[in-house]
Amino acid sequence: MVQGDEPDLLQEIGIDGVIFHTPGHSQDSISIVLADGSAFVGDAAMNFMRFFGTRYRPIYAEDYGKVYESWRKLIEHGASVIYTAHGAPFSADELKRYIGWEG
């Protein structure tokens, strides 16, 4: 079971990437960022139903502030393409614009 950040777990099984805690949608959410920048984020971000004005935000979140913190964490871990549980993949640059990333 993954609990919190697990930066070495994937390395131990031969996968070049990291697993880390990305709360916001729910407290037990995790994401995976591979060395090539592919980020598998589940419901930490979404790319569908944009006509509701949600853009990349989950339709439901326990804490939107933590969603945005999790997005920063994804970017800091080198995410370049976001693969969500709902909708088509998109560039992490979209998240950067949404949160006003200055990094």
N, C-alpha and C. Protein backbone atom coordinates (compact mmCIF):
# COMPACT_ATOMS: atom_id res chain seq x y z
N MET A 1 0.84 -1.18 0.00
CA MET A 1 0.00 0.00 0.00
C MET A 1 0.89 1.25 0.00
N VAL A 2 0.55 2.20 -0.83
CA VAL A 2 1.28 3.47 -0.89
C VAL A 2 0.70 4.41 0.16
N GLN A 3 1.57 4.97 0.96
CA GLN A 3 1.14 5.91 1.99
C GLN A 3 2.00 7.17 1.88
N GLY A 4 1.40 8.25 1.43
CA GLY A 4 2.15 9.49 1.28
C GLY A 4 3.10 9.42 0.09
N ASP A 5 4.19 10.16 0.15
CA ASP A 5 5.17 10.15 -0.93
C ASP A 5 5.99 8.88 -0.88
N GLU A 6 6.21 8.28 -2.02
CA GLU A 6 7.02 7.06 -2.14
C GLU A 6 7.99 7.26 -3.30
N PRO A 7 8.99 8.13 -3.13
CA PRO A 7 9.86 8.47 -4.25
C PRO A 7 10.70 7.32 -4.77
N ASP A 8 10.93 6.29 -3.98
CA ASP A 8 11.82 5.19 -4.39
C ASP A 8 11.09 3.92 -4.79
N LEU A 9 9.81 3.83 -4.55
CA LEU A 9 9.07 2.59 -4.78
C LEU A 9 9.16 2.12 -6.23
N LEU A 10 8.92 2.99 -7.19
CA LEU A 10 8.98 2.59 -8.60
C LEU A 10 10.40 2.20 -8.99
N GLN A 11 11.39 2.93 -8.48
CA GLN A 11 12.79 2.61 -8.78
C GLN A 11 13.12 1.17 -8.33
N GLU A 12 12.56 0.78 -7.20
CA GLU A 12 12.83 -0.55 -6.66
C GLU A 12 12.32 -1.67 -7.57
N ILE A 13 11.33 -1.37 -8.41
CA ILE A 13 10.81 -2.38 -9.32
C ILE A 13 11.20 -2.11 -10.77
N GLY A 14 12.18 -1.22 -10.95
CA GLY A 14 12.75 -1.00 -12.27
C GLY A 14 12.04 0.02 -13.14
N ILE A 15 11.20 0.86 -12.56
CA ILE A 15 10.49 1.89 -13.32
C ILE A 15 11.07 3.24 -12.94
N ASP A 16 11.46 4.02 -13.95
CA ASP A 16 12.08 5.33 -13.71
C ASP A 16 10.99 6.38 -13.51
N GLY A 17 10.57 6.55 -12.27
CA GLY A 17 9.53 7.51 -11.94
C GLY A 17 9.33 7.59 -10.44
N VAL A 18 8.39 8.44 -10.03
CA VAL A 18 8.09 8.61 -8.60
C VAL A 18 6.58 8.56 -8.38
N ILE A 19 6.23 8.09 -7.20
CA ILE A 19 4.84 8.11 -6.72
C ILE A 19 4.79 9.10 -5.56
N PHE A 20 3.78 9.95 -5.56
CA PHE A 20 3.66 10.86 -4.43
C PHE A 20 2.20 11.21 -4.17
N HIS A 21 1.98 11.69 -2.98
CA HIS A 21 0.67 12.05 -2.46
C HIS A 21 0.21 13.34 -3.13
N THR A 22 -0.99 13.33 -3.72
CA THR A 22 -1.54 14.53 -4.36
C THR A 22 -2.98 14.73 -3.88
N PRO A 23 -3.15 15.13 -2.64
CA PRO A 23 -4.50 15.32 -2.10
C PRO A 23 -5.21 16.52 -2.73
N GLY A 24 -6.44 16.60 -2.45
CA GLY A 24 -7.29 17.69 -2.95
C GLY A 24 -8.62 17.12 -3.38
N HIS A 25 -8.59 16.29 -4.43
CA HIS A 25 -9.81 15.60 -4.83
C HIS A 25 -10.25 14.71 -3.67
N SER A 26 -9.31 13.96 -3.13
CA SER A 26 -9.53 13.18 -1.91
C SER A 26 -8.21 13.11 -1.15
N GLN A 27 -8.27 12.78 0.12
CA GLN A 27 -7.07 12.76 0.95
C GLN A 27 -6.13 11.62 0.61
N ASP A 28 -6.63 10.57 -0.07
CA ASP A 28 -5.78 9.42 -0.37
C ASP A 28 -5.30 9.39 -1.82
N SER A 29 -5.41 10.50 -2.54
CA SER A 29 -5.00 10.54 -3.94
C SER A 29 -3.48 10.48 -4.08
N ILE A 30 -3.05 9.73 -5.10
CA ILE A 30 -1.63 9.68 -5.44
C ILE A 30 -1.48 9.93 -6.94
N SER A 31 -0.28 10.30 -7.35
CA SER A 31 0.05 10.48 -8.76
C SER A 31 1.39 9.83 -9.02
N ILE A 32 1.63 9.53 -10.29
CA ILE A 32 2.89 8.96 -10.74
C ILE A 32 3.45 9.87 -11.82
N VAL A 33 4.71 10.26 -11.69
CA VAL A 33 5.39 11.00 -12.75
C VAL A 33 6.59 10.17 -13.18
N LEU A 34 6.62 9.81 -14.46
CA LEU A 34 7.73 9.05 -15.01
C LEU A 34 8.84 9.99 -15.46
N ALA A 35 10.02 9.45 -15.65
CA ALA A 35 11.19 10.25 -16.03
C ALA A 35 10.98 11.02 -17.33
N ASP A 36 10.12 10.52 -18.22
CA ASP A 36 9.88 11.22 -19.49
C ASP A 36 8.86 12.35 -19.37
N GLY A 37 8.36 12.59 -18.14
CA GLY A 37 7.42 13.68 -17.90
C GLY A 37 5.96 13.27 -17.97
N SER A 38 5.69 12.01 -18.29
CA SER A 38 4.30 11.52 -18.28
C SER A 38 3.81 11.47 -16.85
N ALA A 39 2.68 12.13 -16.60
CA ALA A 39 2.12 12.19 -15.24
C ALA A 39 0.73 11.56 -15.25
N PHE A 40 0.56 10.53 -14.45
CA PHE A 40 -0.72 9.83 -14.31
C PHE A 40 -1.33 10.28 -13.00
N VAL A 41 -2.41 11.08 -13.11
CA VAL A 41 -2.88 11.83 -11.95
C VAL A 41 -4.26 11.42 -11.44
N GLY A 42 -4.89 10.45 -12.07
CA GLY A 42 -6.22 10.05 -11.63
C GLY A 42 -7.18 11.22 -11.68
N ASP A 43 -7.79 11.55 -10.55
CA ASP A 43 -8.75 12.64 -10.48
C ASP A 43 -8.15 13.94 -9.94
N ALA A 44 -6.83 14.04 -9.84
CA ALA A 44 -6.20 15.28 -9.38
C ALA A 44 -6.39 16.42 -10.38
N ALA A 45 -6.66 16.04 -11.63
CA ALA A 45 -6.99 17.01 -12.69
C ALA A 45 -7.92 16.30 -13.66
N MET A 46 -8.67 17.06 -14.41
CA MET A 46 -9.59 16.48 -15.39
C MET A 46 -9.55 17.32 -16.66
N ASN A 47 -9.97 16.70 -17.77
CA ASN A 47 -9.99 17.42 -19.03
C ASN A 47 -11.23 17.03 -19.82
N PHE A 48 -12.37 17.32 -19.22
CA PHE A 48 -13.65 17.09 -19.88
C PHE A 48 -14.69 17.99 -19.23
N MET A 49 -15.80 18.13 -19.89
CA MET A 49 -16.89 18.97 -19.38
C MET A 49 -16.42 20.40 -19.12
N ARG A 50 -15.52 20.88 -19.96
CA ARG A 50 -14.97 22.23 -19.76
C ARG A 50 -16.03 23.31 -19.95
N PHE A 51 -17.14 22.96 -20.57
CA PHE A 51 -18.22 23.94 -20.75
C PHE A 51 -18.81 24.38 -19.42
N PHE A 52 -18.51 23.66 -18.32
CA PHE A 52 -18.96 24.08 -17.00
C PHE A 52 -18.01 25.10 -16.39
N GLY A 53 -16.93 25.41 -17.09
CA GLY A 53 -15.96 26.38 -16.59
C GLY A 53 -14.96 25.81 -15.61
N THR A 54 -14.90 24.48 -15.51
CA THR A 54 -13.97 23.87 -14.55
C THR A 54 -12.54 23.84 -15.05
N ARG A 55 -12.37 24.03 -16.37
CA ARG A 55 -11.06 23.92 -17.00
C ARG A 55 -10.43 22.60 -16.59
N TYR A 56 -9.36 22.59 -15.83
CA TYR A 56 -8.68 21.34 -15.49
C TYR A 56 -8.95 20.89 -14.05
N ARG A 57 -9.76 21.65 -13.35
CA ARG A 57 -10.10 21.29 -11.96
C ARG A 57 -11.00 20.08 -11.91
N PRO A 58 -10.84 19.25 -10.90
CA PRO A 58 -11.82 18.18 -10.70
C PRO A 58 -13.20 18.79 -10.46
N ILE A 59 -14.23 18.13 -10.92
CA ILE A 59 -15.59 18.62 -10.70
C ILE A 59 -15.89 18.66 -9.20
N TYR A 60 -15.37 17.68 -8.48
CA TYR A 60 -15.52 17.64 -7.02
C TYR A 60 -14.13 17.55 -6.41
N ALA A 61 -13.92 18.28 -5.34
CA ALA A 61 -12.69 18.17 -4.56
C ALA A 61 -13.02 18.42 -3.10
N GLU A 62 -12.32 17.72 -2.23
CA GLU A 62 -12.46 17.98 -0.80
C GLU A 62 -11.86 19.33 -0.44
N ASP A 63 -10.80 19.73 -1.18
CA ASP A 63 -10.10 20.98 -0.89
C ASP A 63 -9.40 21.47 -2.16
N TYR A 64 -9.96 22.50 -2.80
CA TYR A 64 -9.37 23.00 -4.04
C TYR A 64 -7.99 23.63 -3.81
N GLY A 65 -7.76 24.18 -2.65
CA GLY A 65 -6.43 24.69 -2.35
C GLY A 65 -5.38 23.59 -2.42
N LYS A 66 -5.72 22.41 -1.91
CA LYS A 66 -4.80 21.27 -1.97
C LYS A 66 -4.67 20.74 -3.40
N VAL A 67 -5.73 20.86 -4.20
CA VAL A 67 -5.63 20.48 -5.62
C VAL A 67 -4.53 21.30 -6.27
N TYR A 68 -4.55 22.62 -6.06
CA TYR A 68 -3.56 23.49 -6.69
C TYR A 68 -2.16 23.23 -6.14
N GLU A 69 -2.04 22.91 -4.85
CA GLU A 69 -0.75 22.53 -4.28
C GLU A 69 -0.25 21.25 -4.94
N SER A 70 -1.16 20.32 -5.17
CA SER A 70 -0.78 19.06 -5.83
C SER A 70 -0.33 19.32 -7.26
N TRP A 71 -0.97 20.26 -7.95
CA TRP A 71 -0.53 20.61 -9.30
C TRP A 71 0.89 21.16 -9.27
N ARG A 72 1.19 22.00 -8.27
CA ARG A 72 2.55 22.53 -8.14
C ARG A 72 3.54 21.39 -7.93
N LYS A 73 3.14 20.43 -7.13
CA LYS A 73 3.99 19.28 -6.85
C LYS A 73 4.24 18.48 -8.14
N LEU A 74 3.22 18.30 -8.96
CA LEU A 74 3.38 17.62 -10.24
C LEU A 74 4.41 18.34 -11.11
N ILE A 75 4.27 19.64 -11.18
CA ILE A 75 5.19 20.45 -11.99
C ILE A 75 6.61 20.36 -11.44
N GLU A 76 6.75 20.45 -10.13
CA GLU A 76 8.07 20.37 -9.51
C GLU A 76 8.73 19.01 -9.75
N HIS A 77 7.92 17.97 -9.93
CA HIS A 77 8.45 16.63 -10.19
C HIS A 77 8.66 16.37 -11.68
N GLY A 78 8.53 17.40 -12.50
CA GLY A 78 8.86 17.27 -13.91
C GLY A 78 7.75 16.85 -14.83
N ALA A 79 6.50 16.95 -14.39
CA ALA A 79 5.37 16.58 -15.26
C ALA A 79 5.37 17.45 -16.51
N SER A 80 5.19 16.81 -17.66
CA SER A 80 5.08 17.57 -18.91
C SER A 80 3.77 17.26 -19.63
N VAL A 81 3.29 16.02 -19.53
CA VAL A 81 2.01 15.63 -20.11
C VAL A 81 1.16 15.01 -19.01
N ILE A 82 -0.05 15.52 -18.84
CA ILE A 82 -0.95 15.08 -17.80
C ILE A 82 -1.95 14.07 -18.37
N TYR A 83 -1.98 12.88 -17.79
CA TYR A 83 -2.94 11.84 -18.15
C TYR A 83 -3.92 11.71 -16.99
N THR A 84 -5.17 12.03 -17.24
CA THR A 84 -6.18 12.03 -16.19
C THR A 84 -7.08 10.80 -16.28
N ALA A 85 -7.88 10.60 -15.26
CA ALA A 85 -8.87 9.53 -15.29
C ALA A 85 -10.06 9.92 -16.17
N HIS A 86 -10.22 11.22 -16.42
CA HIS A 86 -11.37 11.71 -17.19
C HIS A 86 -10.90 12.73 -18.21
N GLY A 87 -10.93 12.37 -19.48
CA GLY A 87 -10.59 13.30 -20.54
C GLY A 87 -9.25 12.99 -21.19
N ALA A 88 -8.97 13.74 -22.24
CA ALA A 88 -7.76 13.55 -23.03
C ALA A 88 -6.54 14.10 -22.30
N PRO A 89 -5.37 13.53 -22.57
CA PRO A 89 -4.13 14.08 -22.01
C PRO A 89 -3.93 15.53 -22.46
N PHE A 90 -3.18 16.29 -21.66
CA PHE A 90 -2.90 17.68 -22.00
C PHE A 90 -1.55 18.09 -21.43
N SER A 91 -1.03 19.19 -21.91
CA SER A 91 0.27 19.68 -21.49
C SER A 91 0.22 20.23 -20.06
N ALA A 92 1.26 19.96 -19.31
CA ALA A 92 1.37 20.52 -17.95
C ALA A 92 1.44 22.04 -17.99
N ASP A 93 1.80 22.60 -19.15
CA ASP A 93 1.81 24.06 -19.28
C ASP A 93 0.44 24.65 -19.00
N GLU A 94 -0.62 23.89 -19.28
CA GLU A 94 -1.98 24.36 -18.98
C GLU A 94 -2.17 24.54 -17.48
N LEU A 95 -1.66 23.60 -16.69
CA LEU A 95 -1.75 23.74 -15.23
C LEU A 95 -0.92 24.92 -14.76
N LYS A 96 0.24 25.10 -15.36
CA LYS A 96 1.10 26.23 -15.00
C LYS A 96 0.37 27.56 -15.22
N ARG A 97 -0.29 27.68 -16.35
CA ARG A 97 -1.05 28.92 -16.64
C ARG A 97 -2.20 29.09 -15.65
N TYR A 98 -2.87 28.01 -15.35
CA TYR A 98 -4.04 28.07 -14.48
C TYR A 98 -3.67 28.57 -13.08
N ILE A 99 -2.52 28.10 -12.56
CA ILE A 99 -2.13 28.49 -11.20
C ILE A 99 -1.16 29.67 -11.18
N GLY A 100 -0.81 30.20 -12.37
CA GLY A 100 0.12 31.34 -12.43
C GLY A 100 1.53 30.95 -12.03
N TRP A 101 1.98 29.78 -12.50
CA TRP A 101 3.31 29.26 -12.18
C TRP A 101 4.40 30.23 -12.61
N GLU A 102 5.27 30.57 -11.72
CA GLU A 102 6.37 31.49 -11.99
C GLU A 102 7.70 30.78 -12.02
N GLY A 103 7.72 29.45 -11.79
CA GLY A 103 8.95 28.69 -11.65
C GLY A 103 9.63 28.49 -12.89
